[in-house]
Amino acid sequence: MKKIVFLLCIISSSGTLPNLIAQDSVANTDSTKANNSAKPQPAAPPDYPRGERHEFVIANFHTESGVTLPQARVAYGTYGQLNAARDNAVLLPSYYMADFHGYEWLIGPDRALDPSKLYLVATELFGNGHSSSPRNTPVPLHGPHFPVTTIRDNVEAVHRLLTEELKITHVRAMIGFSMGAQQAFQWAVSYPGFADRIVATAGTAKTYPHGVVRLEGQIAAITTDAAFQDGNYTSPPTKGLEAFATVWLGWLYSQEWWRKELWRSPSESSTTFEQMFQYRRTHFLTGADANDLILQMRTWEGHNVGKTPGFNGDVEKALGSIRVPFLYMPSETDLYFPHRRRSLRSRTYVHGHTNAYPFFMGTHRRPRQQPDRRQVP
């Protein structure tokens, strides 16, 4: 059987990946990042698969907050066909406010994830507006009354989706970006044998206090708009959403990205900073609901694999329990998840490997260059 390496489009300057990932029959991939704040992406080329949308409903889903959702809905997309042995699945958990289409630029016959060989399952986090969220859940849990869900809640719901709905008890690989990387870390700890190997890009195993402060600043940008009305708004709190976008833009891209004016492209070379900034602050995550945005930020804030039952808050102990090959790829310019090689090197998780990638865009999800399409036999 052919060996396929994980091909992340943003890789180390050597253009290679560690040998621990190049093992039998493993899906390859890249991780992408959340930000629909940029100008609308050009139409996908004809070879981009669009995926099939599905929804899995869990009755009486118990969240870690203690609140039970009468119906917890998990939206997801699938690509390819599940084989008879049900052993060609790859899980792609979504990132902040993304839908299942977020990984599609990596999917195709000559791309990192080939749906003619793999069965790809791309799931959507609670709070993105499609899975159960403040805006689509009926009273009494509508809007600001929706419970704060954790990364573990999301992992548990997707585990049930895979095992109960799709009858998948093992996946070849799991690839997550940003909040998808948070889910990847949690999967590795909560279900250590569920995946053959895992890739986590631009995410961490715990949200530390500095990250909480950043997120609280972005939440405050929304909630201080008088139109927010403690989450009981009747029309979008537009000023708050624009303030939220302004704060977020300062964190999304690296200082080098701004300094080099990398928002310019050959087709938009005349765009001024003022034009770009005005567009992005008013078109950031277009159509997103304020309560949904806040819910996912609260999910982000509470992430900590050390709080998994049995680890008593000890993150390193939790990471030390990981049993499968784990590739951790932080961005060297990421302001959300700063690269901390010393604390996240493979000494912490025995089967792990850290490979930081040099990338001016900070935490943005998609580079301009095309992904590396090579497959190693």
Protein backbone atom coordinates (compact mmCIF):
# COMPACT_ATOMS: atom_id res chain seq x y z
CA MET A 1 0.00 0.00 0.00
CA LYS A 2 1.25 3.45 -0.82
CA LYS A 3 2.57 5.69 1.88
CA ILE A 4 1.15 9.18 1.89
CA VAL A 5 2.67 12.01 3.87
CA PHE A 6 0.69 14.76 5.54
CA LEU A 7 1.16 17.65 3.16
CA LEU A 8 0.64 20.93 4.91
CA CYS A 9 0.80 23.77 2.41
CA ILE A 10 2.65 25.92 4.90
CA ILE A 11 5.59 23.76 5.95
CA SER A 12 9.11 24.27 7.16
CA SER A 13 11.62 25.95 4.88
CA SER A 14 13.17 22.57 4.15
CA GLY A 15 9.95 21.53 2.45
CA THR A 16 9.91 18.22 4.27
CA LEU A 17 7.99 16.66 7.12
CA PRO A 18 9.22 14.37 9.88
CA ASN A 19 9.40 10.64 9.27
CA LEU A 20 6.96 9.91 12.07
CA ILE A 21 4.12 11.05 9.82
CA ALA A 22 5.19 9.13 6.73
CA GLN A 23 3.73 5.82 7.76
CA ASP A 24 1.45 3.34 6.10
CA SER A 25 -1.76 4.52 4.54
CA VAL A 26 -2.09 7.83 6.22
CA ALA A 27 -4.07 10.74 4.97
CA ASN A 28 -2.11 13.84 4.11
CA THR A 29 -3.20 17.36 4.73
CA ASP A 30 -2.87 20.93 5.60
CA SER A 31 -4.70 22.84 8.24
CA THR A 32 -6.45 26.04 7.33
CA LYS A 33 -7.51 29.03 9.37
CA ALA A 34 -10.53 30.85 10.23
CA ASN A 35 -11.07 34.21 8.91
CA ASN A 36 -13.75 35.02 6.52
CA SER A 37 -12.94 38.66 7.13
CA ALA A 38 -10.93 38.97 3.96
CA LYS A 39 -12.59 40.02 0.75
CA PRO A 40 -14.76 37.31 -0.79
CA GLN A 41 -12.63 34.47 -2.09
CA PRO A 42 -12.64 33.88 -5.85
CA ALA A 43 -14.93 31.14 -7.06
CA ALA A 44 -13.55 27.68 -6.41
CA PRO A 45 -12.00 26.08 -9.50
CA PRO A 46 -13.93 23.23 -11.10
CA ASP A 47 -11.89 20.51 -9.41
CA TYR A 48 -12.85 21.67 -5.90
CA PRO A 49 -15.36 19.23 -4.44
CA ARG A 50 -18.20 20.88 -2.57
CA GLY A 51 -19.02 18.09 -0.16
CA GLU A 52 -22.38 16.84 1.03
CA ARG A 53 -23.98 18.57 4.00
CA HIS A 54 -25.51 16.49 6.80
CA GLU A 55 -26.84 17.01 10.29
CA PHE A 56 -26.63 14.68 13.27
CA VAL A 57 -29.06 15.23 16.15
CA ILE A 58 -28.38 14.07 19.70
CA ALA A 59 -31.33 13.97 22.09
CA ASN A 60 -30.74 15.27 25.62
CA PHE A 61 -27.08 16.11 25.19
CA HIS A 62 -25.45 16.83 28.56
CA THR A 63 -22.90 19.64 28.44
CA GLU A 64 -20.08 20.16 30.92
CA SER A 65 -21.84 23.30 32.14
CA GLY A 66 -24.59 21.11 33.55
CA VAL A 67 -27.18 22.29 31.02
CA THR A 68 -28.85 19.67 28.84
CA LEU A 69 -29.60 20.53 25.23
CA PRO A 70 -32.90 18.83 24.30
CA GLN A 71 -31.57 18.51 20.75
CA ALA A 72 -27.90 19.05 20.02
CA ARG A 73 -27.29 19.43 16.31
CA VAL A 74 -23.92 18.77 14.68
CA ALA A 75 -23.61 20.01 11.11
CA TYR A 76 -20.97 18.29 9.02
CA GLY A 77 -19.86 17.66 5.46
CA THR A 78 -18.51 14.53 3.83
CA TYR A 79 -16.30 13.93 0.81
CA GLY A 80 -15.58 10.63 -0.88
CA GLN A 81 -16.92 7.22 0.06
CA LEU A 82 -16.48 5.19 3.21
CA ASN A 83 -14.95 1.89 2.18
CA ALA A 84 -16.33 -1.52 3.12
CA ALA A 85 -13.85 -1.90 5.96
CA ARG A 86 -14.82 1.57 7.24
CA ASP A 87 -11.15 2.36 7.76
CA ASN A 88 -10.40 5.19 5.31
CA ALA A 89 -11.93 8.06 7.30
CA VAL A 90 -10.14 11.32 8.13
CA LEU A 91 -11.65 13.82 10.58
CA LEU A 92 -11.38 17.58 9.94
CA PRO A 93 -12.75 19.52 12.94
CA SER A 94 -13.57 23.16 12.17
CA TYR A 95 -12.02 26.35 13.43
CA TYR A 96 -13.51 29.61 14.75
CA MET A 97 -16.87 30.38 13.09
CA ALA A 98 -16.04 28.18 10.10
CA ASP A 99 -18.35 25.79 8.31
CA PHE A 100 -17.40 22.44 6.82
CA HIS A 101 -16.27 24.07 3.56
CA GLY A 102 -13.22 25.52 5.30
CA TYR A 103 -10.85 22.76 4.22
CA GLU A 104 -12.05 22.43 0.64
CA TRP A 105 -9.10 24.18 -0.96
CA LEU A 106 -7.01 21.22 0.23
CA ILE A 107 -9.37 18.57 -1.13
CA GLY A 108 -9.15 17.12 -4.61
CA PRO A 109 -7.47 14.49 -6.78
CA ASP A 110 -4.10 16.28 -6.83
CA ARG A 111 -4.36 17.97 -3.47
CA ALA A 112 -3.38 17.00 0.03
CA LEU A 113 -6.65 15.16 0.69
CA ASP A 114 -7.83 12.92 -2.14
CA PRO A 115 -11.53 11.98 -1.75
CA SER A 116 -11.14 9.17 -4.28
CA LYS A 117 -9.10 7.36 -1.61
CA LEU A 118 -10.29 8.87 1.64
CA TYR A 119 -13.61 9.48 3.36
CA LEU A 120 -13.37 12.99 4.78
CA VAL A 121 -15.63 14.13 7.60
CA ALA A 122 -15.54 17.87 8.26
CA THR A 123 -17.46 18.87 11.38
CA GLU A 124 -18.72 22.22 12.62
CA LEU A 125 -18.35 23.54 16.16
CA PHE A 126 -21.30 24.39 18.35
CA GLY A 127 -21.97 28.10 17.98
CA ASN A 128 -21.12 28.56 14.30
CA GLY A 129 -24.75 29.17 13.37
CA HIS A 130 -25.34 25.77 11.74
CA SER A 131 -24.57 23.35 14.53
CA SER A 132 -26.51 24.13 17.71
CA SER A 133 -25.95 27.81 18.43
CA PRO A 134 -27.48 30.69 20.37
CA ARG A 135 -29.27 31.99 17.28
CA ASN A 136 -30.81 28.71 16.08
CA THR A 137 -31.82 27.13 19.39
CA PRO A 138 -35.40 27.72 20.56
CA VAL A 139 -36.33 29.22 23.91
CA PRO A 140 -35.54 28.81 26.73
CA LEU A 141 -31.94 28.34 25.47
CA HIS A 142 -32.06 30.92 22.70
CA GLY A 143 -29.56 33.76 22.42
CA PRO A 144 -27.67 34.67 25.61
CA HIS A 145 -29.29 31.75 27.45
CA PHE A 146 -27.45 29.12 25.40
CA PRO A 147 -24.96 27.24 27.61
CA VAL A 148 -21.25 27.73 27.23
CA THR A 149 -19.96 24.61 25.51
CA THR A 150 -16.42 23.29 25.86
CA ILE A 151 -14.00 21.76 23.39
CA ARG A 152 -14.67 18.46 25.19
CA ASP A 153 -18.42 18.90 24.59
CA ASN A 154 -17.69 19.29 20.89
CA VAL A 155 -15.37 16.28 20.83
CA GLU A 156 -17.96 14.16 22.64
CA ALA A 157 -20.69 15.15 20.17
CA VAL A 158 -18.48 14.35 17.18
CA HIS A 159 -17.41 11.05 18.73
CA ARG A 160 -21.09 10.13 18.91
CA LEU A 161 -21.59 11.27 15.33
CA LEU A 162 -18.77 9.05 14.12
CA THR A 163 -19.59 5.97 16.18
CA GLU A 164 -23.39 6.10 16.23
CA GLU A 165 -24.32 7.72 12.92
CA LEU A 166 -21.45 6.77 10.63
CA LYS A 167 -20.41 3.55 12.43
CA ILE A 168 -16.76 4.62 12.35
CA THR A 169 -14.73 3.41 15.31
CA HIS A 170 -11.29 4.48 14.10
CA VAL A 171 -9.91 7.13 11.74
CA ARG A 172 -6.71 7.14 9.75
CA ALA A 173 -5.93 10.69 10.72
CA MET A 174 -7.24 13.79 12.39
CA ILE A 175 -6.21 17.23 11.20
CA GLY A 176 -7.19 20.45 12.94
CA PHE A 177 -6.38 24.13 12.60
CA SER A 178 -6.76 26.78 15.34
CA MET A 179 -9.84 25.71 17.31
CA GLY A 180 -9.67 22.59 15.17
CA ALA A 181 -6.19 22.07 16.63
CA GLN A 182 -7.64 22.49 20.11
CA GLN A 183 -10.06 19.70 19.25
CA ALA A 184 -7.20 17.58 17.90
CA PHE A 185 -5.33 17.89 21.21
CA GLN A 186 -8.49 16.99 23.10
CA TRP A 187 -9.19 13.97 20.89
CA ALA A 188 -5.65 12.73 21.49
CA VAL A 189 -6.23 12.87 25.25
CA SER A 190 -9.89 11.84 25.49
CA TYR A 191 -9.75 9.09 22.87
CA PRO A 192 -6.05 8.20 22.62
CA GLY A 193 -6.44 5.28 20.24
CA PHE A 194 -9.14 6.66 17.96
CA ALA A 195 -6.80 8.03 15.27
CA ASP A 196 -3.68 6.54 13.74
CA ARG A 197 -2.02 9.96 13.84
CA ILE A 198 -2.87 13.58 14.43
CA VAL A 199 -1.83 16.99 13.09
CA ALA A 200 -2.54 20.19 15.02
CA THR A 201 -1.70 23.51 13.37
CA ALA A 202 -1.83 26.97 14.97
CA GLY A 203 -3.53 25.89 18.19
CA THR A 204 -2.65 24.83 21.71
CA ALA A 205 -3.59 22.29 24.35
CA LYS A 206 -4.65 25.05 26.75
CA THR A 207 -5.78 28.67 26.52
CA TYR A 208 -3.50 30.60 28.85
CA PRO A 209 -4.43 33.86 30.67
CA HIS A 210 -3.03 36.12 27.95
CA GLY A 211 -5.33 34.43 25.45
CA VAL A 212 -8.28 34.91 27.78
CA VAL A 213 -7.50 38.63 28.10
CA ARG A 214 -7.36 38.95 24.30
CA LEU A 215 -10.68 37.19 23.87
CA GLU A 216 -12.32 39.21 26.65
CA GLY A 217 -11.25 42.38 24.84
CA GLN A 218 -12.97 41.17 21.70
CA ILE A 219 -16.09 40.17 23.63
CA ALA A 220 -16.14 43.59 25.32
CA ALA A 221 -15.98 45.26 21.91
CA ILE A 222 -19.34 43.65 21.11
CA THR A 223 -21.07 43.88 24.47
CA THR A 224 -20.34 47.57 25.11
CA ASP A 225 -22.51 48.51 22.14
CA ALA A 226 -25.82 49.66 23.71
CA ALA A 227 -27.63 47.81 20.92
CA PHE A 228 -26.32 44.51 22.29
CA GLN A 229 -28.81 44.69 25.18
CA ASP A 230 -27.17 41.90 27.19
CA GLY A 231 -27.57 39.60 24.21
CA ASN A 232 -31.28 40.26 23.76
CA TYR A 233 -30.86 42.48 20.70
CA THR A 234 -33.55 42.70 18.04
CA SER A 235 -31.15 43.92 15.36
CA PRO A 236 -27.40 43.31 15.04
CA PRO A 237 -25.19 45.47 17.30
CA THR A 238 -23.38 46.85 14.27
CA LYS A 239 -21.03 49.23 16.07
CA GLY A 240 -19.99 46.48 18.45
CA LEU A 241 -19.39 44.04 15.60
CA GLU A 242 -17.21 46.59 13.78
CA ALA A 243 -15.23 47.23 16.97
CA PHE A 244 -14.85 43.46 17.40
CA ALA A 245 -13.52 43.20 13.83
CA THR A 246 -11.06 46.03 14.41
CA VAL A 247 -9.64 44.37 17.51
CA TRP A 248 -9.50 40.98 15.82
CA LEU A 249 -7.64 42.30 12.76
CA GLY A 250 -4.83 43.50 14.98
CA TRP A 251 -4.32 39.93 16.17
CA LEU A 252 -5.11 37.97 13.04
CA TYR A 253 -2.09 38.93 10.95
CA SER A 254 1.55 39.29 11.97
CA GLN A 255 3.33 42.63 12.31
CA GLU A 256 5.43 41.65 9.31
CA TRP A 257 2.28 41.12 7.21
CA TRP A 258 1.14 44.64 7.97
CA ARG A 259 4.60 46.16 7.55
CA LYS A 260 5.07 44.55 4.13
CA GLU A 261 1.54 45.56 3.08
CA LEU A 262 0.74 42.00 2.12
CA TRP A 263 -2.94 42.81 1.81
CA ARG A 264 -2.03 44.02 -1.67
CA SER A 265 -2.24 41.58 -4.55
CA PRO A 266 -1.24 42.00 -8.21
CA SER A 267 -4.90 42.56 -9.12
CA GLU A 268 -5.41 45.09 -6.31
CA SER A 269 -2.08 46.90 -6.25
CA SER A 270 -3.77 50.30 -6.05
CA THR A 271 -5.73 49.45 -2.88
CA THR A 272 -4.88 51.82 -0.05
CA PHE A 273 -4.59 50.84 3.58
CA GLU A 274 -7.65 52.96 4.38
CA GLN A 275 -9.74 51.17 1.75
CA MET A 276 -8.62 47.73 2.89
CA PHE A 277 -9.16 48.51 6.57
CA GLN A 278 -12.62 49.98 6.05
CA TYR A 279 -13.70 46.98 4.01
CA ARG A 280 -12.43 44.40 6.47
CA ARG A 281 -13.82 46.03 9.58
CA THR A 282 -17.29 46.17 8.00
CA HIS A 283 -17.19 42.75 6.29
CA PHE A 284 -15.56 40.63 8.98
CA LEU A 285 -17.35 37.26 9.24
CA THR A 286 -20.26 38.70 7.30
CA GLY A 287 -23.64 37.64 8.67
CA ALA A 288 -22.26 36.20 11.91
CA ASP A 289 -24.47 36.53 14.99
CA ALA A 290 -23.03 38.38 18.00
CA ASN A 291 -24.12 35.74 20.54
CA ASP A 292 -22.62 33.01 18.34
CA LEU A 293 -19.32 34.88 18.13
CA ILE A 294 -19.24 35.23 21.91
CA LEU A 295 -20.13 31.60 22.54
CA GLN A 296 -17.23 30.31 20.46
CA MET A 297 -14.86 32.74 22.17
CA ARG A 298 -16.02 31.38 25.53
CA THR A 299 -15.39 27.86 24.22
CA TRP A 300 -11.92 28.97 23.16
CA GLU A 301 -11.23 30.57 26.56
CA GLY A 302 -12.13 27.44 28.53
CA HIS A 303 -9.96 25.05 26.54
CA ASN A 304 -7.61 22.99 28.72
CA VAL A 305 -6.81 19.32 28.10
CA GLY A 306 -5.56 19.13 31.68
CA LYS A 307 -9.17 19.35 32.85
CA THR A 308 -9.97 16.06 31.15
CA PRO A 309 -11.15 13.65 33.88
CA GLY A 310 -8.20 11.84 35.40
CA PHE A 311 -5.56 14.56 34.94
CA ASN A 312 -6.48 17.00 37.74
CA GLY A 313 -5.71 20.08 35.65
CA ASP A 314 -2.19 18.89 34.73
CA VAL A 315 -1.68 19.78 31.06
CA GLU A 316 1.71 18.08 30.73
CA LYS A 317 0.37 14.90 32.29
CA ALA A 318 -2.50 14.95 29.82
CA LEU A 319 -0.15 15.51 26.88
CA GLY A 320 2.06 12.74 28.18
CA SER A 321 -0.82 10.32 27.76
CA ILE A 322 -0.89 10.77 23.96
CA ARG A 323 -0.12 7.44 22.33
CA VAL A 324 -0.15 8.13 18.60
CA PRO A 325 2.19 10.08 16.30
CA PHE A 326 1.34 13.75 16.79
CA LEU A 327 2.63 16.57 14.61
CA TYR A 328 2.30 20.01 16.19
CA MET A 329 2.83 22.91 13.79
CA PRO A 330 2.67 26.41 15.28
CA SER A 331 3.26 29.47 13.12
CA GLU A 332 6.35 31.45 14.03
CA THR A 333 4.40 34.71 13.62
CA ASP A 334 1.13 33.64 15.26
CA LEU A 335 -0.08 36.19 17.81
CA TYR A 336 -2.93 33.98 19.09
CA PHE A 337 -0.83 30.88 19.73
CA PRO A 338 2.83 31.98 20.07
CA HIS A 339 5.37 29.35 19.17
CA ARG A 340 6.72 27.85 22.40
CA ARG A 341 9.02 25.07 21.29
CA ARG A 342 10.53 24.52 24.73
CA SER A 343 7.23 23.71 26.42
CA LEU A 344 5.64 21.78 23.57
CA ARG A 345 8.52 19.76 22.18
CA SER A 346 8.27 15.99 21.99
CA ARG A 347 9.56 15.56 25.55
CA THR A 348 6.02 16.43 26.69
CA TYR A 349 4.16 13.97 24.52
CA VAL A 350 6.35 10.98 23.76
CA HIS A 351 5.09 10.44 20.22
CA GLY A 352 5.04 14.14 19.34
CA HIS A 353 7.03 16.32 16.99
CA THR A 354 7.01 20.11 16.82
CA ASN A 355 7.70 21.77 13.48
CA ALA A 356 7.17 25.55 13.42
CA TYR A 357 6.52 27.06 10.03
CA PRO A 358 7.74 30.50 8.97
CA PHE A 359 4.72 32.40 7.71
CA PHE A 360 4.14 36.16 7.56
CA MET A 361 0.35 35.91 7.72
CA GLY A 362 0.25 35.11 11.43
CA THR A 363 -2.86 33.00 12.01
CA HIS A 364 -4.71 33.50 8.76
CA ARG A 365 -6.09 30.34 7.27
CA ARG A 366 -4.95 30.41 3.67
CA PRO A 367 -1.74 31.42 1.87
CA ARG A 368 -1.67 32.81 -1.63
CA GLN A 369 0.58 30.08 -2.95
CA GLN A 370 -0.90 26.75 -3.92
CA PRO A 371 -0.50 23.84 -1.52
CA ASP A 372 2.27 21.34 -2.02
CA ARG A 373 0.60 18.52 -3.94
CA ARG A 374 3.37 15.95 -3.77
CA GLN A 375 2.64 12.48 -2.51
CA VAL A 376 5.52 10.30 -1.39
CA PRO A 377 5.26 6.65 -2.54
